[in-house]
N, C-alpha and C. Protein backbone atom coordinates (compact mmCIF):
# COMPACT_ATOMS: atom_id res chain seq x y z
N MET A 1 13.19 -22.27 -9.99
CA MET A 1 12.28 -22.11 -8.86
C MET A 1 12.59 -20.78 -8.18
N GLN A 2 11.56 -20.06 -7.83
CA GLN A 2 11.68 -18.74 -7.23
C GLN A 2 10.89 -18.73 -5.93
N SER A 3 11.31 -17.90 -4.98
CA SER A 3 10.58 -17.74 -3.72
C SER A 3 10.19 -16.29 -3.54
N THR A 4 9.11 -16.09 -2.80
CA THR A 4 8.66 -14.74 -2.47
C THR A 4 8.13 -14.72 -1.05
N TYR A 5 7.97 -13.52 -0.53
CA TYR A 5 7.40 -13.33 0.81
C TYR A 5 5.96 -12.87 0.65
N VAL A 6 5.06 -13.52 1.37
CA VAL A 6 3.65 -13.17 1.38
C VAL A 6 3.23 -13.03 2.83
N MET A 7 2.44 -11.98 3.13
CA MET A 7 1.99 -11.75 4.49
C MET A 7 0.49 -11.47 4.49
N ILE A 8 -0.24 -12.23 5.27
CA ILE A 8 -1.65 -11.93 5.50
C ILE A 8 -1.69 -10.94 6.66
N LYS A 9 -2.28 -9.79 6.39
CA LYS A 9 -2.28 -8.68 7.34
C LYS A 9 -3.31 -8.89 8.45
N PRO A 10 -3.28 -8.04 9.50
CA PRO A 10 -4.21 -8.22 10.63
C PRO A 10 -5.69 -8.27 10.24
N ASP A 11 -6.10 -7.52 9.22
CA ASP A 11 -7.51 -7.59 8.83
C ASP A 11 -7.84 -8.93 8.22
N GLY A 12 -6.88 -9.57 7.57
CA GLY A 12 -7.09 -10.90 7.01
C GLY A 12 -7.14 -11.98 8.07
N THR A 13 -6.24 -11.90 9.05
CA THR A 13 -6.23 -12.92 10.11
C THR A 13 -7.44 -12.77 11.03
N ALA A 14 -8.01 -11.58 11.08
CA ALA A 14 -9.17 -11.35 11.96
C ALA A 14 -10.49 -11.84 11.35
N LYS A 15 -10.53 -11.98 10.03
CA LYS A 15 -11.77 -12.41 9.37
C LYS A 15 -11.84 -13.93 9.30
N GLU A 16 -12.93 -14.47 9.76
CA GLU A 16 -13.13 -15.92 9.79
C GLU A 16 -12.92 -16.55 8.41
N GLY A 17 -12.00 -17.48 8.33
CA GLY A 17 -11.79 -18.26 7.13
C GLY A 17 -10.92 -17.64 6.06
N VAL A 18 -10.54 -16.38 6.19
CA VAL A 18 -9.78 -15.72 5.13
C VAL A 18 -8.38 -16.33 4.99
N THR A 19 -7.70 -16.58 6.10
CA THR A 19 -6.36 -17.15 6.02
C THR A 19 -6.39 -18.48 5.27
N ALA A 20 -7.30 -19.35 5.59
CA ALA A 20 -7.40 -20.65 4.92
C ALA A 20 -7.72 -20.48 3.44
N ARG A 21 -8.59 -19.55 3.11
CA ARG A 21 -8.97 -19.35 1.71
C ARG A 21 -7.81 -18.79 0.90
N VAL A 22 -7.04 -17.87 1.50
CA VAL A 22 -5.88 -17.31 0.80
C VAL A 22 -4.83 -18.40 0.57
N LYS A 23 -4.54 -19.18 1.60
CA LYS A 23 -3.56 -20.25 1.45
C LYS A 23 -4.03 -21.27 0.42
N SER A 24 -5.30 -21.54 0.38
CA SER A 24 -5.86 -22.47 -0.61
C SER A 24 -5.68 -21.94 -2.03
N ARG A 25 -5.86 -20.65 -2.22
CA ARG A 25 -5.65 -20.05 -3.54
C ARG A 25 -4.19 -20.16 -3.97
N ILE A 26 -3.30 -19.96 -3.02
CA ILE A 26 -1.87 -20.05 -3.32
C ILE A 26 -1.51 -21.47 -3.78
N THR A 27 -1.94 -22.47 -3.04
CA THR A 27 -1.60 -23.84 -3.41
C THR A 27 -2.37 -24.29 -4.66
N ALA A 28 -3.59 -23.82 -4.85
CA ALA A 28 -4.36 -24.18 -6.05
C ALA A 28 -3.70 -23.62 -7.31
N ALA A 29 -2.95 -22.54 -7.16
CA ALA A 29 -2.24 -21.94 -8.30
C ALA A 29 -0.95 -22.70 -8.61
N GLY A 30 -0.66 -23.73 -7.82
CA GLY A 30 0.52 -24.56 -8.07
C GLY A 30 1.76 -24.17 -7.29
N PHE A 31 1.60 -23.27 -6.34
CA PHE A 31 2.74 -22.84 -5.53
C PHE A 31 2.78 -23.60 -4.22
N THR A 32 3.95 -23.63 -3.61
CA THR A 32 4.08 -24.29 -2.31
C THR A 32 4.36 -23.25 -1.24
N ILE A 33 3.81 -23.49 -0.08
CA ILE A 33 4.09 -22.66 1.10
C ILE A 33 5.17 -23.41 1.86
N ASP A 34 6.41 -22.94 1.72
CA ASP A 34 7.56 -23.63 2.29
C ASP A 34 7.67 -23.43 3.80
N ARG A 35 7.38 -22.23 4.23
CA ARG A 35 7.43 -21.90 5.67
C ARG A 35 6.35 -20.89 5.96
N GLU A 36 5.84 -20.95 7.17
CA GLU A 36 4.89 -19.93 7.61
C GLU A 36 4.99 -19.77 9.11
N LYS A 37 4.65 -18.58 9.55
CA LYS A 37 4.61 -18.33 10.99
C LYS A 37 3.65 -17.20 11.26
N GLU A 38 3.04 -17.28 12.42
CA GLU A 38 2.16 -16.21 12.90
C GLU A 38 2.94 -15.39 13.91
N PHE A 39 2.86 -14.08 13.78
CA PHE A 39 3.56 -13.19 14.71
C PHE A 39 2.90 -11.83 14.69
N THR A 40 3.27 -10.99 15.63
CA THR A 40 2.78 -9.62 15.68
C THR A 40 3.93 -8.69 15.32
N LEU A 41 3.68 -7.82 14.39
CA LEU A 41 4.70 -6.86 13.96
C LEU A 41 4.97 -5.82 15.03
N THR A 42 6.18 -5.29 15.04
CA THR A 42 6.54 -4.19 15.93
C THR A 42 6.76 -2.94 15.09
N GLU A 43 6.80 -1.81 15.72
CA GLU A 43 7.07 -0.57 14.99
C GLU A 43 8.44 -0.62 14.31
N ASP A 44 9.43 -1.19 14.98
CA ASP A 44 10.77 -1.29 14.37
C ASP A 44 10.73 -2.14 13.10
N MET A 45 10.01 -3.25 13.14
CA MET A 45 9.87 -4.09 11.94
C MET A 45 9.21 -3.30 10.81
N LEU A 46 8.20 -2.54 11.15
CA LEU A 46 7.47 -1.76 10.14
C LEU A 46 8.33 -0.63 9.59
N ARG A 47 9.16 -0.03 10.42
CA ARG A 47 10.07 1.01 9.93
C ARG A 47 11.04 0.45 8.90
N ALA A 48 11.48 -0.78 9.10
CA ALA A 48 12.36 -1.43 8.13
C ALA A 48 11.58 -1.84 6.88
N HIS A 49 10.42 -2.42 7.08
CA HIS A 49 9.62 -2.93 5.96
C HIS A 49 9.08 -1.81 5.08
N TYR A 50 8.63 -0.74 5.70
CA TYR A 50 8.06 0.40 4.97
C TYR A 50 8.97 1.62 5.07
N ASP A 51 10.29 1.41 4.93
CA ASP A 51 11.25 2.51 5.09
C ASP A 51 10.97 3.68 4.16
N PHE A 52 10.37 3.44 3.02
CA PHE A 52 10.05 4.49 2.05
C PHE A 52 8.82 5.30 2.46
N LEU A 53 8.13 4.87 3.53
CA LEU A 53 6.92 5.57 3.99
C LEU A 53 7.08 6.21 5.37
N VAL A 54 8.20 5.98 6.02
CA VAL A 54 8.38 6.43 7.41
C VAL A 54 8.14 7.92 7.58
N GLU A 55 8.54 8.72 6.63
CA GLU A 55 8.40 10.18 6.74
C GLU A 55 7.03 10.69 6.31
N LYS A 56 6.18 9.82 5.81
CA LYS A 56 4.85 10.25 5.36
C LYS A 56 3.95 10.51 6.56
N PRO A 57 3.04 11.46 6.44
CA PRO A 57 2.17 11.80 7.58
C PRO A 57 1.24 10.66 8.00
N PHE A 58 0.98 9.71 7.12
CA PHE A 58 0.08 8.61 7.45
C PHE A 58 0.80 7.38 8.02
N PHE A 59 2.13 7.46 8.19
CA PHE A 59 2.86 6.30 8.70
C PHE A 59 2.37 5.86 10.08
N PRO A 60 2.08 6.77 11.02
CA PRO A 60 1.55 6.31 12.31
C PRO A 60 0.26 5.48 12.17
N GLU A 61 -0.55 5.80 11.20
CA GLU A 61 -1.78 5.03 10.96
C GLU A 61 -1.44 3.61 10.48
N ILE A 62 -0.41 3.50 9.65
CA ILE A 62 0.05 2.18 9.20
C ILE A 62 0.52 1.36 10.41
N VAL A 63 1.32 1.99 11.27
CA VAL A 63 1.82 1.29 12.46
C VAL A 63 0.66 0.84 13.33
N GLU A 64 -0.30 1.72 13.56
CA GLU A 64 -1.45 1.37 14.41
C GLU A 64 -2.20 0.16 13.84
N PHE A 65 -2.46 0.18 12.54
CA PHE A 65 -3.17 -0.92 11.92
C PHE A 65 -2.34 -2.21 11.91
N MET A 66 -1.11 -2.13 11.45
CA MET A 66 -0.30 -3.33 11.25
C MET A 66 0.14 -3.99 12.56
N THR A 67 0.08 -3.26 13.68
CA THR A 67 0.39 -3.85 14.98
C THR A 67 -0.88 -4.22 15.75
N SER A 68 -2.04 -4.09 15.13
CA SER A 68 -3.33 -4.30 15.82
C SER A 68 -3.67 -5.77 16.03
N GLY A 69 -2.95 -6.67 15.40
CA GLY A 69 -3.23 -8.10 15.55
C GLY A 69 -2.16 -8.90 14.86
N PRO A 70 -2.28 -10.22 14.93
CA PRO A 70 -1.26 -11.06 14.31
C PRO A 70 -1.31 -11.02 12.79
N VAL A 71 -0.17 -11.35 12.20
CA VAL A 71 -0.04 -11.53 10.76
C VAL A 71 0.45 -12.96 10.53
N ILE A 72 0.28 -13.43 9.31
CA ILE A 72 0.83 -14.73 8.91
C ILE A 72 1.87 -14.44 7.83
N GLY A 73 3.13 -14.71 8.12
CA GLY A 73 4.19 -14.55 7.14
C GLY A 73 4.46 -15.89 6.48
N MET A 74 4.66 -15.88 5.16
CA MET A 74 4.89 -17.12 4.43
C MET A 74 6.00 -16.96 3.40
N ILE A 75 6.76 -18.01 3.22
CA ILE A 75 7.67 -18.11 2.08
C ILE A 75 6.96 -19.01 1.08
N VAL A 76 6.69 -18.46 -0.10
CA VAL A 76 5.96 -19.17 -1.14
C VAL A 76 6.90 -19.38 -2.33
N SER A 77 6.90 -20.59 -2.86
CA SER A 77 7.81 -20.91 -3.97
C SER A 77 7.08 -21.47 -5.17
N GLY A 78 7.70 -21.25 -6.34
CA GLY A 78 7.18 -21.80 -7.59
C GLY A 78 7.76 -21.05 -8.76
N ASP A 79 7.42 -21.49 -9.95
CA ASP A 79 7.88 -20.83 -11.16
C ASP A 79 7.26 -19.45 -11.27
N ASN A 80 8.11 -18.42 -11.44
CA ASN A 80 7.65 -17.05 -11.64
C ASN A 80 6.71 -16.57 -10.53
N VAL A 81 6.93 -17.03 -9.31
CA VAL A 81 6.00 -16.80 -8.20
C VAL A 81 5.86 -15.32 -7.83
N VAL A 82 6.93 -14.54 -7.94
CA VAL A 82 6.83 -13.12 -7.56
C VAL A 82 5.79 -12.43 -8.44
N PHE A 83 5.94 -12.54 -9.73
CA PHE A 83 5.01 -11.91 -10.66
C PHE A 83 3.60 -12.49 -10.52
N ALA A 84 3.52 -13.80 -10.42
CA ALA A 84 2.21 -14.45 -10.32
C ALA A 84 1.46 -14.06 -9.05
N MET A 85 2.16 -14.00 -7.92
CA MET A 85 1.50 -13.61 -6.67
C MET A 85 1.01 -12.17 -6.74
N ARG A 86 1.80 -11.30 -7.36
CA ARG A 86 1.36 -9.90 -7.49
C ARG A 86 0.05 -9.84 -8.29
N GLY A 87 -0.06 -10.67 -9.32
CA GLY A 87 -1.29 -10.72 -10.09
C GLY A 87 -2.45 -11.28 -9.29
N MET A 88 -2.18 -12.29 -8.47
CA MET A 88 -3.23 -12.91 -7.66
C MET A 88 -3.77 -11.98 -6.59
N ILE A 89 -2.90 -11.12 -6.03
CA ILE A 89 -3.37 -10.26 -4.95
C ILE A 89 -4.11 -9.04 -5.47
N GLY A 90 -3.75 -8.53 -6.65
CA GLY A 90 -4.40 -7.35 -7.20
C GLY A 90 -3.76 -6.06 -6.73
N VAL A 91 -4.23 -4.96 -7.27
CA VAL A 91 -3.69 -3.64 -6.93
C VAL A 91 -4.03 -3.28 -5.49
N THR A 92 -3.32 -2.30 -4.95
CA THR A 92 -3.43 -1.93 -3.55
C THR A 92 -4.86 -1.60 -3.12
N ASN A 93 -5.57 -0.83 -3.93
CA ASN A 93 -6.92 -0.42 -3.58
C ASN A 93 -7.92 -1.49 -4.01
N PRO A 94 -8.59 -2.16 -3.08
CA PRO A 94 -9.55 -3.20 -3.45
C PRO A 94 -10.65 -2.73 -4.40
N GLU A 95 -11.02 -1.45 -4.31
CA GLU A 95 -12.06 -0.92 -5.20
C GLU A 95 -11.60 -0.91 -6.66
N GLU A 96 -10.28 -0.85 -6.88
CA GLU A 96 -9.73 -0.82 -8.23
C GLU A 96 -9.16 -2.17 -8.67
N ALA A 97 -9.15 -3.14 -7.76
CA ALA A 97 -8.57 -4.45 -8.07
C ALA A 97 -9.49 -5.23 -9.00
N ALA A 98 -8.88 -6.08 -9.78
CA ALA A 98 -9.63 -6.91 -10.74
C ALA A 98 -10.48 -7.94 -10.00
N PRO A 99 -11.64 -8.26 -10.55
CA PRO A 99 -12.48 -9.31 -9.95
C PRO A 99 -11.70 -10.61 -9.82
N GLY A 100 -11.90 -11.30 -8.71
CA GLY A 100 -11.22 -12.57 -8.48
C GLY A 100 -9.88 -12.46 -7.80
N THR A 101 -9.36 -11.23 -7.62
CA THR A 101 -8.10 -11.08 -6.91
C THR A 101 -8.38 -11.11 -5.40
N ILE A 102 -7.37 -11.42 -4.64
CA ILE A 102 -7.51 -11.52 -3.18
C ILE A 102 -7.97 -10.19 -2.59
N ARG A 103 -7.35 -9.11 -3.02
CA ARG A 103 -7.73 -7.80 -2.46
C ARG A 103 -9.16 -7.41 -2.83
N LYS A 104 -9.59 -7.72 -4.04
CA LYS A 104 -10.96 -7.41 -4.44
C LYS A 104 -11.96 -8.22 -3.62
N ASP A 105 -11.63 -9.50 -3.42
CA ASP A 105 -12.56 -10.39 -2.74
C ASP A 105 -12.60 -10.20 -1.23
N PHE A 106 -11.49 -9.79 -0.61
CA PHE A 106 -11.45 -9.74 0.85
C PHE A 106 -11.09 -8.38 1.45
N GLY A 107 -10.53 -7.47 0.66
CA GLY A 107 -10.09 -6.18 1.18
C GLY A 107 -11.23 -5.18 1.33
N THR A 108 -10.98 -4.15 2.14
CA THR A 108 -12.00 -3.11 2.34
C THR A 108 -11.52 -1.73 1.93
N ASP A 109 -10.22 -1.45 2.04
CA ASP A 109 -9.68 -0.16 1.62
C ASP A 109 -8.19 -0.30 1.34
N LYS A 110 -7.54 0.80 0.98
CA LYS A 110 -6.13 0.75 0.57
C LYS A 110 -5.21 0.19 1.65
N MET A 111 -5.53 0.41 2.91
CA MET A 111 -4.69 -0.11 3.98
C MET A 111 -5.15 -1.51 4.40
N ARG A 112 -6.43 -1.66 4.54
CA ARG A 112 -7.00 -2.94 4.98
C ARG A 112 -7.33 -3.78 3.73
N ASN A 113 -6.25 -4.23 3.10
CA ASN A 113 -6.40 -4.97 1.84
C ASN A 113 -5.92 -6.41 1.96
N VAL A 114 -5.85 -6.90 3.18
CA VAL A 114 -5.68 -8.30 3.54
C VAL A 114 -4.29 -8.89 3.35
N ILE A 115 -3.54 -8.44 2.34
CA ILE A 115 -2.34 -9.20 1.98
C ILE A 115 -1.22 -8.31 1.44
N HIS A 116 -0.01 -8.76 1.66
CA HIS A 116 1.18 -8.15 1.07
C HIS A 116 1.95 -9.26 0.36
N ALA A 117 2.53 -8.94 -0.79
CA ALA A 117 3.44 -9.86 -1.48
C ALA A 117 4.59 -9.03 -2.04
N SER A 118 5.78 -9.58 -1.99
CA SER A 118 6.97 -8.89 -2.48
C SER A 118 6.76 -8.43 -3.92
N GLU A 119 7.28 -7.24 -4.23
CA GLU A 119 7.06 -6.67 -5.56
C GLU A 119 8.12 -7.03 -6.59
N SER A 120 9.22 -7.61 -6.14
CA SER A 120 10.28 -8.01 -7.07
C SER A 120 11.09 -9.13 -6.43
N PRO A 121 11.86 -9.86 -7.23
CA PRO A 121 12.73 -10.89 -6.65
C PRO A 121 13.72 -10.32 -5.63
N GLU A 122 14.20 -9.12 -5.89
CA GLU A 122 15.14 -8.48 -4.96
C GLU A 122 14.45 -8.17 -3.63
N CYS A 123 13.24 -7.62 -3.70
CA CYS A 123 12.47 -7.34 -2.47
C CYS A 123 12.14 -8.63 -1.74
N ALA A 124 11.81 -9.68 -2.49
CA ALA A 124 11.49 -10.96 -1.88
C ALA A 124 12.65 -11.47 -1.03
N GLU A 125 13.84 -11.39 -1.59
CA GLU A 125 15.02 -11.85 -0.85
C GLU A 125 15.20 -11.07 0.45
N ILE A 126 15.06 -9.76 0.37
CA ILE A 126 15.20 -8.90 1.55
C ILE A 126 14.12 -9.21 2.58
N GLU A 127 12.87 -9.32 2.13
CA GLU A 127 11.75 -9.54 3.04
C GLU A 127 11.80 -10.93 3.67
N ILE A 128 12.22 -11.93 2.94
CA ILE A 128 12.37 -13.28 3.51
C ILE A 128 13.42 -13.24 4.61
N LYS A 129 14.54 -12.58 4.37
CA LYS A 129 15.58 -12.46 5.41
C LYS A 129 15.06 -11.67 6.60
N ARG A 130 14.32 -10.60 6.34
CA ARG A 130 13.81 -9.75 7.42
C ARG A 130 12.89 -10.52 8.34
N PHE A 131 11.99 -11.31 7.78
CA PHE A 131 10.97 -11.96 8.60
C PHE A 131 11.25 -13.41 8.96
N PHE A 132 12.19 -14.04 8.26
CA PHE A 132 12.51 -15.44 8.58
C PHE A 132 13.97 -15.67 8.95
N GLY A 133 14.77 -14.60 8.94
CA GLY A 133 16.18 -14.72 9.34
C GLY A 133 17.06 -15.31 8.28
């Protein structure tokens, strides 16, 4: 059994019904949502989460967007869940995402793509500790 961190971003929580539909897709795929919480990100949290982007000129835009409303953080568990969730969410840009992926169905652009999921088991462990202690 493996766990991963999944976060519905502010654009997802702001759209009517998206949170419920995303959670339904997760459970329909056979995964369990072990814990979840709604919270608002801070700039300090984002600096830790996106430490590889802090020096990029677009980082202030990320902070502005990601602090614009609540997010839903979840610990999701199941067999091979890290890899499977990455497939379910699709590539970063919704225009390039495969049909039926969460980002293709609900995202609007590279930043406003509704969802984040850990990219590796190592990242999942770090992100779960970061957001759930």
